[in-house]
């Protein structure tokens, strides 16, 4: 087995000292931030209200976009389209008619 390098003991002590210093600095910063912002850890309920309002506004915007896209498609196409939520972000989807299969030939 090879013996450790002569300077490796110094490197390990240096690493331990650096880690201890970083840990002290981290604790000091956490303590200072909690003293400067005593209510920082208290969750506020207002952002939830803002999120609900934003979601509602976004839904209205999407509905307006769907309506405009549907009107445009009907005016400029001979096909038929519907509004429906799409996994791919499409606002409108084309509808293909179902045709009855032809009767079997005898």
N, C-alpha and C. Protein backbone atom coordinates (compact mmCIF):
# COMPACT_ATOMS: atom_id res chain seq x y z
N UNK A 1 0.82 -1.18 0.00
CA UNK A 1 0.00 0.00 0.00
C UNK A 1 0.86 1.24 0.00
N UNK A 2 0.45 2.23 -0.69
CA UNK A 2 1.21 3.47 -0.77
C UNK A 2 0.84 4.35 0.42
N UNK A 3 1.83 5.02 0.96
CA UNK A 3 1.56 5.92 2.09
C UNK A 3 1.04 7.24 1.54
N UNK A 4 0.21 7.96 2.33
CA UNK A 4 -0.32 9.23 1.86
C UNK A 4 0.79 10.23 1.61
N UNK A 5 0.54 11.13 0.71
CA UNK A 5 1.52 12.15 0.37
C UNK A 5 1.79 13.02 1.60
N UNK A 6 3.02 13.54 1.74
CA UNK A 6 3.36 14.32 2.94
C UNK A 6 2.50 15.56 3.13
N UNK A 7 2.04 16.20 2.06
CA UNK A 7 1.27 17.43 2.21
C UNK A 7 -0.22 17.20 2.36
N UNK A 8 -0.70 15.94 2.30
CA UNK A 8 -2.14 15.69 2.32
C UNK A 8 -2.75 16.01 3.68
N UNK A 9 -2.03 15.83 4.76
CA UNK A 9 -2.55 16.18 6.09
C UNK A 9 -2.83 17.67 6.19
N UNK A 10 -1.96 18.47 5.62
CA UNK A 10 -2.16 19.92 5.61
C UNK A 10 -3.38 20.30 4.77
N UNK A 11 -3.55 19.63 3.63
CA UNK A 11 -4.70 19.92 2.76
C UNK A 11 -6.01 19.59 3.47
N UNK A 12 -6.05 18.45 4.19
CA UNK A 12 -7.27 18.08 4.91
C UNK A 12 -7.58 19.09 6.01
N UNK A 13 -6.57 19.54 6.75
CA UNK A 13 -6.79 20.54 7.79
C UNK A 13 -7.27 21.85 7.19
N UNK A 14 -6.73 22.19 6.04
CA UNK A 14 -7.14 23.42 5.35
C UNK A 14 -8.60 23.31 4.90
N UNK A 15 -9.00 22.16 4.37
CA UNK A 15 -10.38 21.96 3.96
C UNK A 15 -11.33 22.06 5.15
N UNK A 16 -10.96 21.45 6.26
CA UNK A 16 -11.80 21.49 7.45
C UNK A 16 -11.95 22.93 7.94
N UNK A 17 -10.87 23.68 7.91
CA UNK A 17 -10.92 25.08 8.35
C UNK A 17 -11.82 25.90 7.43
N UNK A 18 -11.71 25.68 6.13
CA UNK A 18 -12.55 26.42 5.17
C UNK A 18 -14.01 26.07 5.37
N UNK A 19 -14.32 24.78 5.55
CA UNK A 19 -15.70 24.36 5.77
C UNK A 19 -16.26 24.94 7.06
N UNK A 20 -15.46 24.99 8.11
CA UNK A 20 -15.92 25.55 9.38
C UNK A 20 -16.20 27.04 9.23
N UNK A 21 -15.33 27.73 8.50
CA UNK A 21 -15.53 29.16 8.27
C UNK A 21 -16.80 29.42 7.45
N UNK A 22 -17.04 28.61 6.43
CA UNK A 22 -18.25 28.74 5.62
C UNK A 22 -19.50 28.48 6.45
N UNK A 23 -19.42 27.49 7.34
CA UNK A 23 -20.56 27.17 8.18
C UNK A 23 -20.87 28.34 9.13
N UNK A 24 -19.84 28.95 9.70
CA UNK A 24 -20.05 30.12 10.58
C UNK A 24 -20.67 31.28 9.82
N UNK A 25 -20.17 31.51 8.60
CA UNK A 25 -20.70 32.60 7.78
C UNK A 25 -22.17 32.34 7.42
N UNK A 26 -22.47 31.10 7.10
CA UNK A 26 -23.85 30.73 6.78
C UNK A 26 -24.77 30.98 7.97
N UNK A 27 -24.37 30.57 9.14
CA UNK A 27 -25.18 30.78 10.34
C UNK A 27 -25.37 32.26 10.63
N UNK A 28 -24.31 33.04 10.42
CA UNK A 28 -24.38 34.48 10.67
C UNK A 28 -25.37 35.13 9.70
N UNK A 29 -25.32 34.73 8.43
CA UNK A 29 -26.24 35.29 7.43
C UNK A 29 -27.68 34.91 7.73
N UNK A 30 -27.91 33.67 8.13
CA UNK A 30 -29.27 33.24 8.47
C UNK A 30 -29.80 34.02 9.66
N UNK A 31 -28.94 34.22 10.67
CA UNK A 31 -29.36 34.96 11.85
C UNK A 31 -29.65 36.42 11.50
N UNK A 32 -28.81 37.04 10.68
CA UNK A 32 -29.04 38.43 10.29
C UNK A 32 -30.30 38.59 9.47
N UNK A 33 -30.56 37.65 8.56
CA UNK A 33 -31.76 37.77 7.73
C UNK A 33 -33.02 37.58 8.56
N UNK A 34 -32.97 36.73 9.58
CA UNK A 34 -34.16 36.55 10.41
C UNK A 34 -34.37 37.76 11.32
N UNK A 35 -33.30 38.46 11.69
CA UNK A 35 -33.45 39.66 12.52
C UNK A 35 -33.93 40.84 11.68
N UNK A 36 -33.47 40.93 10.43
CA UNK A 36 -33.87 42.03 9.56
C UNK A 36 -35.28 41.86 9.02
N UNK A 37 -35.70 40.63 8.80
CA UNK A 37 -37.03 40.33 8.26
C UNK A 37 -37.75 39.36 9.20
N UNK A 38 -38.26 39.83 10.32
CA UNK A 38 -38.86 38.91 11.28
C UNK A 38 -40.08 38.18 10.73
N UNK A 39 -40.80 38.74 9.79
CA UNK A 39 -41.98 38.09 9.26
C UNK A 39 -41.73 37.35 7.96
N UNK A 40 -40.46 37.15 7.60
CA UNK A 40 -40.14 36.56 6.31
C UNK A 40 -40.63 35.11 6.20
N UNK A 41 -40.71 34.43 7.34
CA UNK A 41 -41.12 33.03 7.27
C UNK A 41 -42.63 32.86 7.38
N UNK A 42 -43.38 33.94 7.56
CA UNK A 42 -44.83 33.86 7.66
C UNK A 42 -45.42 33.93 6.27
N UNK A 43 -46.12 32.87 5.81
CA UNK A 43 -46.70 32.92 4.48
C UNK A 43 -47.89 33.86 4.44
N UNK A 44 -48.03 34.59 3.36
CA UNK A 44 -49.14 35.50 3.18
C UNK A 44 -50.18 34.85 2.29
N UNK A 45 -51.45 35.11 2.56
CA UNK A 45 -52.50 34.49 1.76
C UNK A 45 -52.82 35.33 0.52
N UNK A 46 -52.37 36.53 0.44
CA UNK A 46 -52.70 37.40 -0.68
C UNK A 46 -52.20 36.90 -2.03
N UNK A 47 -50.96 36.33 -2.13
CA UNK A 47 -50.52 35.84 -3.43
C UNK A 47 -51.47 34.79 -4.01
N UNK A 48 -52.13 34.02 -3.17
CA UNK A 48 -53.08 33.03 -3.69
C UNK A 48 -54.24 33.74 -4.38
N UNK A 49 -54.68 34.86 -3.81
CA UNK A 49 -55.76 35.62 -4.44
C UNK A 49 -55.30 36.18 -5.78
N UNK A 50 -54.08 36.69 -5.82
CA UNK A 50 -53.55 37.21 -7.08
C UNK A 50 -53.45 36.10 -8.12
N UNK A 51 -53.06 34.91 -7.70
CA UNK A 51 -52.94 33.79 -8.62
C UNK A 51 -54.30 33.41 -9.18
N UNK A 52 -55.33 33.37 -8.32
CA UNK A 52 -56.67 33.06 -8.80
C UNK A 52 -57.15 34.10 -9.80
N UNK A 53 -56.90 35.38 -9.50
CA UNK A 53 -57.30 36.46 -10.40
C UNK A 53 -56.58 36.33 -11.73
N UNK A 54 -55.27 36.02 -11.68
CA UNK A 54 -54.47 35.87 -12.89
C UNK A 54 -54.97 34.69 -13.72
N UNK A 55 -55.30 33.57 -13.05
CA UNK A 55 -55.81 32.40 -13.76
C UNK A 55 -57.13 32.72 -14.45
N UNK A 56 -58.01 33.46 -13.76
CA UNK A 56 -59.30 33.82 -14.34
C UNK A 56 -59.10 34.74 -15.55
N UNK A 57 -58.21 35.72 -15.43
CA UNK A 57 -57.94 36.63 -16.54
C UNK A 57 -57.34 35.87 -17.72
N UNK A 58 -56.47 34.91 -17.43
CA UNK A 58 -55.85 34.11 -18.49
C UNK A 58 -56.91 33.27 -19.20
N UNK A 59 -57.85 32.71 -18.45
CA UNK A 59 -58.92 31.92 -19.06
C UNK A 59 -59.79 32.78 -19.97
N UNK A 60 -60.09 34.01 -19.52
CA UNK A 60 -60.88 34.91 -20.36
C UNK A 60 -60.13 35.27 -21.63
N UNK A 61 -58.82 35.48 -21.52
CA UNK A 61 -58.00 35.81 -22.68
C UNK A 61 -57.98 34.65 -23.67
N UNK A 62 -57.84 33.43 -23.15
CA UNK A 62 -57.83 32.25 -24.02
C UNK A 62 -59.19 32.09 -24.70
N UNK A 63 -60.27 32.33 -23.95
CA UNK A 63 -61.61 32.22 -24.54
C UNK A 63 -61.78 33.23 -25.67
N UNK A 64 -61.28 34.44 -25.48
CA UNK A 64 -61.37 35.45 -26.54
C UNK A 64 -60.54 35.04 -27.75
N UNK A 65 -59.37 34.47 -27.51
CA UNK A 65 -58.53 34.00 -28.62
C UNK A 65 -59.21 32.85 -29.36
N UNK A 66 -59.84 31.95 -28.61
CA UNK A 66 -60.53 30.83 -29.24
C UNK A 66 -61.67 31.34 -30.12
N UNK A 67 -62.42 32.30 -29.61
CA UNK A 67 -63.55 32.84 -30.37
C UNK A 67 -63.05 33.49 -31.66
N UNK A 68 -61.98 34.28 -31.56
CA UNK A 68 -61.44 34.95 -32.74
C UNK A 68 -60.91 33.93 -33.74
N UNK A 69 -60.21 32.90 -33.26
CA UNK A 69 -59.68 31.88 -34.15
C UNK A 69 -60.80 31.11 -34.83
N UNK A 70 -61.86 30.82 -34.08
CA UNK A 70 -62.99 30.09 -34.65
C UNK A 70 -63.69 30.91 -35.73
N UNK A 71 -63.90 32.20 -35.46
CA UNK A 71 -64.53 33.06 -36.46
C UNK A 71 -63.68 33.17 -37.72
N UNK A 72 -62.38 33.30 -37.53
CA UNK A 72 -61.46 33.40 -38.67
C UNK A 72 -61.48 32.11 -39.48
N UNK A 73 -61.47 30.97 -38.80
CA UNK A 73 -61.45 29.69 -39.51
C UNK A 73 -62.73 29.47 -40.30
N UNK A 74 -63.87 29.82 -39.71
CA UNK A 74 -65.14 29.64 -40.42
C UNK A 74 -65.24 30.59 -41.62
N UNK A 75 -64.69 31.78 -41.50
CA UNK A 75 -64.76 32.75 -42.59
C UNK A 75 -63.83 32.40 -43.74
N UNK A 76 -62.69 31.76 -43.44
CA UNK A 76 -61.67 31.53 -44.47
C UNK A 76 -61.48 30.06 -44.84
N UNK A 77 -62.36 29.20 -44.39
CA UNK A 77 -62.20 27.79 -44.68
C UNK A 77 -63.55 27.15 -44.93
N UNK A 78 -63.55 26.10 -45.71
CA UNK A 78 -64.80 25.40 -45.96
C UNK A 78 -65.03 24.28 -44.94
N UNK A 79 -64.08 24.07 -44.06
CA UNK A 79 -64.20 23.03 -43.06
C UNK A 79 -65.01 23.49 -41.85
N UNK A 80 -65.13 22.60 -40.87
CA UNK A 80 -65.84 22.91 -39.65
C UNK A 80 -64.88 22.74 -38.48
N UNK A 81 -64.90 23.68 -37.55
CA UNK A 81 -63.97 23.68 -36.43
C UNK A 81 -64.73 23.84 -35.12
N UNK A 82 -64.14 23.32 -34.05
CA UNK A 82 -64.71 23.49 -32.71
C UNK A 82 -63.61 24.00 -31.77
N UNK A 83 -64.03 24.63 -30.68
CA UNK A 83 -63.08 25.02 -29.65
C UNK A 83 -63.02 23.89 -28.63
N UNK A 84 -61.82 23.50 -28.28
CA UNK A 84 -61.64 22.44 -27.29
C UNK A 84 -60.21 22.52 -26.78
N UNK A 85 -60.04 22.20 -25.51
CA UNK A 85 -58.68 22.17 -24.95
C UNK A 85 -57.88 21.10 -25.66
N UNK A 86 -56.66 21.45 -26.02
CA UNK A 86 -55.81 20.55 -26.76
C UNK A 86 -54.53 20.31 -25.98
N UNK A 87 -54.02 19.11 -26.04
CA UNK A 87 -52.75 18.79 -25.39
C UNK A 87 -51.59 19.52 -26.03
N UNK A 88 -51.78 19.99 -27.25
CA UNK A 88 -50.71 20.63 -27.99
C UNK A 88 -50.86 22.15 -28.07
N UNK A 89 -51.82 22.72 -27.34
CA UNK A 89 -51.99 24.16 -27.30
C UNK A 89 -52.80 24.73 -28.45
N UNK A 90 -53.46 23.90 -29.22
CA UNK A 90 -54.30 24.40 -30.30
C UNK A 90 -55.56 25.02 -29.73
N UNK A 91 -55.96 26.17 -30.25
CA UNK A 91 -57.16 26.84 -29.75
C UNK A 91 -58.43 26.25 -30.36
N UNK A 92 -58.33 25.81 -31.60
CA UNK A 92 -59.49 25.20 -32.28
C UNK A 92 -59.02 23.90 -32.92
N UNK A 93 -59.95 22.99 -33.11
CA UNK A 93 -59.63 21.71 -33.74
C UNK A 93 -60.57 21.49 -34.92
N UNK A 94 -60.04 20.94 -36.01
CA UNK A 94 -60.92 20.64 -37.15
C UNK A 94 -61.78 19.42 -36.83
N UNK A 95 -62.97 19.43 -37.35
CA UNK A 95 -63.89 18.31 -37.14
C UNK A 95 -64.11 17.63 -38.48
N UNK A 96 -63.91 16.35 -38.51
CA UNK A 96 -64.16 15.57 -39.73
C UNK A 96 -65.46 14.82 -39.54
N UNK A 97 -66.32 14.87 -40.55
CA UNK A 97 -67.60 14.17 -40.40
C UNK A 97 -67.41 12.65 -40.45
N UNK A 98 -68.26 11.95 -39.71
CA UNK A 98 -68.25 10.51 -39.76
C UNK A 98 -69.15 10.06 -40.90
N UNK A 99 -68.63 9.28 -41.76
CA UNK A 99 -69.41 8.76 -42.89
C UNK A 99 -69.76 7.30 -42.61
N UNK A 100 -70.96 6.96 -42.89
CA UNK A 100 -71.35 5.57 -42.74
C UNK A 100 -70.59 4.74 -43.77
N UNK A 101 -70.15 3.56 -43.36
CA UNK A 101 -69.45 2.72 -44.35
C UNK A 101 -70.41 2.28 -45.44
N UNK A 102 -69.91 2.11 -46.63
CA UNK A 102 -70.79 1.68 -47.71
C UNK A 102 -71.33 0.27 -47.42
N UNK A 103 -72.53 -0.02 -47.92
CA UNK A 103 -73.07 -1.36 -47.68
C UNK A 103 -72.21 -2.41 -48.40
N UNK A 104 -72.13 -3.59 -47.82
CA UNK A 104 -71.30 -4.63 -48.46
C UNK A 104 -71.85 -4.99 -49.83
N UNK A 105 -70.96 -5.16 -50.76
CA UNK A 105 -71.35 -5.53 -52.14
C UNK A 105 -71.70 -7.02 -52.17
N UNK A 106 -72.79 -7.34 -52.84
CA UNK A 106 -73.20 -8.75 -52.92
C UNK A 106 -72.99 -9.30 -54.28
